[in-house]
C-alpha atoms as a PDB file:
ATOM      1  CA  MET A   1    -185.221 219.993 117.246  1.00  0.00           C
ATOM      2  CA  VAL A   2    -185.039 222.533 114.433  1.00  0.00           C
ATOM      3  CA  GLU A   3    -182.949 225.025 116.440  1.00  0.00           C
ATOM      4  CA  ASN A   4    -180.211 222.394 116.772  1.00  0.00           C
ATOM      5  CA  ASP A   5    -180.148 221.967 112.990  1.00  0.00           C
ATOM      6  CA  ILE A   6    -179.958 225.734 112.507  1.00  0.00           C
ATOM      7  CA  PHE A   7    -177.064 226.253 114.888  1.00  0.00           C
ATOM      8  CA  ARG A   8    -175.247 223.169 113.622  1.00  0.00           C
ATOM      9  CA  ALA A   9    -175.577 224.509 110.072  1.00  0.00           C
ATOM     10  CA  LEU A  10    -174.340 227.968 111.043  1.00  0.00           C
ATOM     11  CA  ALA A  11    -171.440 226.575 113.097  1.00  0.00           C
ATOM     12  CA  ASP A  12    -169.445 226.124 109.893  1.00  0.00           C
ATOM     13  CA  PRO A  13    -167.719 229.359 108.755  1.00  0.00           C
ATOM     14  CA  THR A  14    -168.211 228.581 105.055  1.00  0.00           C
ATOM     15  CA  ARG A  15    -171.952 228.067 105.551  1.00  0.00           C
ATOM     16  CA  ARG A  16    -172.158 231.316 107.517  1.00  0.00           C
ATOM     17  CA  LEU A  17    -170.434 233.095 104.625  1.00  0.00           C
ATOM     18  CA  ILE A  18    -172.854 231.539 102.126  1.00  0.00           C
ATOM     19  CA  PHE A  19    -175.815 232.494 104.326  1.00  0.00           C
ATOM     20  CA  GLU A  20    -174.516 236.082 104.624  1.00  0.00           C
ATOM     21  CA  LYS A  21    -174.086 236.334 100.845  1.00  0.00           C
ATOM     22  CA  LEU A  22    -177.637 235.102 100.335  1.00  0.00           C
ATOM     23  CA  ALA A  23    -178.923 237.581 102.920  1.00  0.00           C
ATOM     24  CA  SER A  24    -177.785 240.381 100.599  1.00  0.00           C
ATOM     25  CA  GLY A  25    -179.852 238.897  97.766  1.00  0.00           C
ATOM     26  CA  GLY A  26    -180.642 235.573  96.161  1.00  0.00           C
ATOM     27  CA  MET A  27    -178.296 234.011  93.611  1.00  0.00           C
ATOM     28  CA  ASN A  28    -177.320 230.751  91.962  1.00  0.00           C
ATOM     29  CA  ALA A  29    -174.585 228.396  93.202  1.00  0.00           C
ATOM     30  CA  SER A  30    -172.018 229.685  90.692  1.00  0.00           C
ATOM     31  CA  ALA A  31    -172.438 233.260  91.911  1.00  0.00           C
ATOM     32  CA  LEU A  32    -172.276 232.072  95.512  1.00  0.00           C
ATOM     33  CA  ARG A  33    -168.984 230.303  94.855  1.00  0.00           C
ATOM     34  CA  GLU A  34    -167.242 233.505  93.760  1.00  0.00           C
ATOM     35  CA  GLY A  35    -164.839 234.690  96.420  1.00  0.00           C
ATOM     36  CA  ILE A  36    -165.347 231.694  98.693  1.00  0.00           C
ATOM     37  CA  GLY A  37    -162.680 229.401  97.255  1.00  0.00           C
ATOM     38  CA  VAL A  38    -164.470 226.070  97.473  1.00  0.00           C
ATOM     39  CA  SER A  39    -165.514 223.657  94.747  1.00  0.00           C
ATOM     40  CA  GLN A  40    -168.962 223.524  93.174  1.00  0.00           C
ATOM     41  CA  PRO A  41    -169.713 220.151  94.859  1.00  0.00           C
ATOM     42  CA  ALA A  42    -168.738 221.630  98.231  1.00  0.00           C
ATOM     43  CA  ILE A  43    -171.047 224.615  97.663  1.00  0.00           C
ATOM     44  CA  SER A  44    -173.858 222.184  96.832  1.00  0.00           C
ATOM     45  CA  GLN A  45    -173.230 220.231 100.027  1.00  0.00           C
ATOM     46  CA  HIS A  46    -173.220 223.398 102.129  1.00  0.00           C
ATOM     47  CA  LEU A  47    -176.423 224.573 100.466  1.00  0.00           C
ATOM     48  CA  GLY A  48    -177.988 221.188 101.213  1.00  0.00           C
ATOM     49  CA  VAL A  49    -177.188 221.536 104.912  1.00  0.00           C
ATOM     50  CA  LEU A  50    -178.574 225.089 104.967  1.00  0.00           C
ATOM     51  CA  ARG A  51    -181.682 223.935 103.105  1.00  0.00           C
ATOM     52  CA  ASP A  52    -182.226 221.003 105.495  1.00  0.00           C
ATOM     53  CA  ALA A  53    -181.956 223.448 108.412  1.00  0.00           C
ATOM     54  CA  ARG A  54    -184.653 225.572 106.739  1.00  0.00           C
ATOM     55  CA  LEU A  55    -182.332 228.551 106.377  1.00  0.00           C
ATOM     56  CA  VAL A  56    -182.228 228.537 102.576  1.00  0.00           C
ATOM     57  CA  ARG A  57    -184.818 227.763  99.951  1.00  0.00           C
ATOM     58  CA  GLU A  58    -184.336 227.075  96.273  1.00  0.00           C
ATOM     59  CA  GLU A  59    -186.288 227.679  93.097  1.00  0.00           C
ATOM     60  CA  ARG A  60    -185.486 226.278  89.672  1.00  0.00           C
ATOM     61  CA  ARG A  61    -185.285 228.961  86.995  1.00  0.00           C
ATOM     62  CA  GLY A  62    -184.634 227.345  83.647  1.00  0.00           C
ATOM     63  CA  ARG A  63    -181.279 225.572  83.810  1.00  0.00           C
ATOM     64  CA  PHE A  64    -180.291 227.230  87.083  1.00  0.00           C
ATOM     65  CA  VAL A  65    -181.343 226.850  90.676  1.00  0.00           C
ATOM     66  CA  HIS A  66    -181.805 230.164  92.473  1.00  0.00           C
ATOM     67  CA  TYR A  67    -181.130 230.204  96.234  1.00  0.00           C
ATOM     68  CA  GLU A  68    -182.352 232.696  98.811  1.00  0.00           C
ATOM     69  CA  VAL A  69    -182.670 233.007 102.564  1.00  0.00           C
ATOM     70  CA  ASP A  70    -185.800 231.300 103.873  1.00  0.00           C
ATOM     71  CA  PRO A  71    -187.687 233.838 106.041  1.00  0.00           C
ATOM     72  CA  ASP A  72    -189.286 231.003 108.023  1.00  0.00           C
ATOM     73  CA  GLY A  73    -185.858 229.822 109.169  1.00  0.00           C
ATOM     74  CA  VAL A  74    -184.833 233.337 110.102  1.00  0.00           C
ATOM     75  CA  ALA A  75    -188.068 233.651 112.092  1.00  0.00           C
ATOM     76  CA  LEU A  76    -187.093 230.515 114.018  1.00  0.00           C
ATOM     77  CA  ILE A  77    -183.751 232.100 114.930  1.00  0.00           C
ATOM     78  CA  ALA A  78    -185.453 235.341 115.959  1.00  0.00           C
ATOM     79  CA  GLY A  79    -187.965 233.427 118.075  1.00  0.00           C
ATOM     80  CA  TRP A  80    -185.221 231.502 119.832  1.00  0.00           C
ATOM     81  CA  LEU A  81    -183.281 234.690 120.561  1.00  0.00           C
ATOM     82  CA  ALA A  82    -186.407 236.474 121.813  1.00  0.00           C
ATOM     83  CA  LYS A  83    -186.704 233.947 124.651  1.00  0.00           C
ATOM     84  CA  TYR A  84    -183.321 235.074 125.987  1.00  0.00           C
ATOM     85  CA  ARG A  85    -183.509 238.763 125.197  1.00  0.00           C
ATOM     86  CA  ALA A  86    -185.468 239.400 128.408  1.00  0.00           C
ATOM     87  CA  TYR A  87    -182.478 238.321 130.519  1.00  0.00           C
ATOM     88  CA  TRP A  88    -180.006 240.834 129.140  1.00  0.00           C
ATOM     89  CA  PRO A  89    -181.267 244.110 130.659  1.00  0.00           C
ATOM     90  CA  ALA A  90    -181.107 242.659 134.183  1.00  0.00           C
ATOM     91  CA  ARG A  91    -177.665 241.169 133.495  1.00  0.00           C
ATOM     92  CA  MET A  92    -176.372 244.468 132.139  1.00  0.00           C
ATOM     93  CA  ASP A  93    -177.748 246.346 135.166  1.00  0.00           C
ATOM     94  CA  ALA A  94    -176.018 243.855 137.480  1.00  0.00           C
ATOM     95  CA  LEU A  95    -172.766 244.288 135.551  1.00  0.00           C
ATOM     96  CA  ARG A  96    -173.032 248.080 135.812  1.00  0.00           C
ATOM     97  CA  GLY A  97    -173.511 247.722 139.557  1.00  0.00           C
ATOM     98  CA  VAL A  98    -170.438 245.535 139.906  1.00  0.00           C
ATOM     99  CA  LEU A  99    -168.365 247.913 137.809  1.00  0.00           C
ATOM    100  CA  LYS A 100    -169.480 250.939 139.885  1.00  0.00           C
ATOM    101  CA  GLU A 101    -168.475 249.114 143.065  1.00  0.00           C
ATOM    102  CA  MET A 102    -165.048 248.466 141.546  1.00  0.00           C
ATOM    103  CA  ASP A 103    -164.438 252.152 140.700  1.00  0.00           C
ATOM    104  CA  PRO A 104    -162.102 253.813 143.213  1.00  0.00           C
END
């Protein structure tokens, strides 16, 4: 299931950081590595996991590979969340009711 791959990929804090950096704009692996404090091979491995989960796509530009967030993967996340969004208003209303009952 693709959602499992997505959440497994984003479970790692370094991959979440890489994904967040890419969400602000595409870049190559060297630029991604700045400020993260991991080796180039580790960045490549993390990018591979994100790519396999369909969260990141790559494009070769001369000698460099440019990475960016894959909108199709983000759409999968949004679709998954949309299934559960309908439950929250009722849950929040129930919580408000409980909290009002608790007020002295």
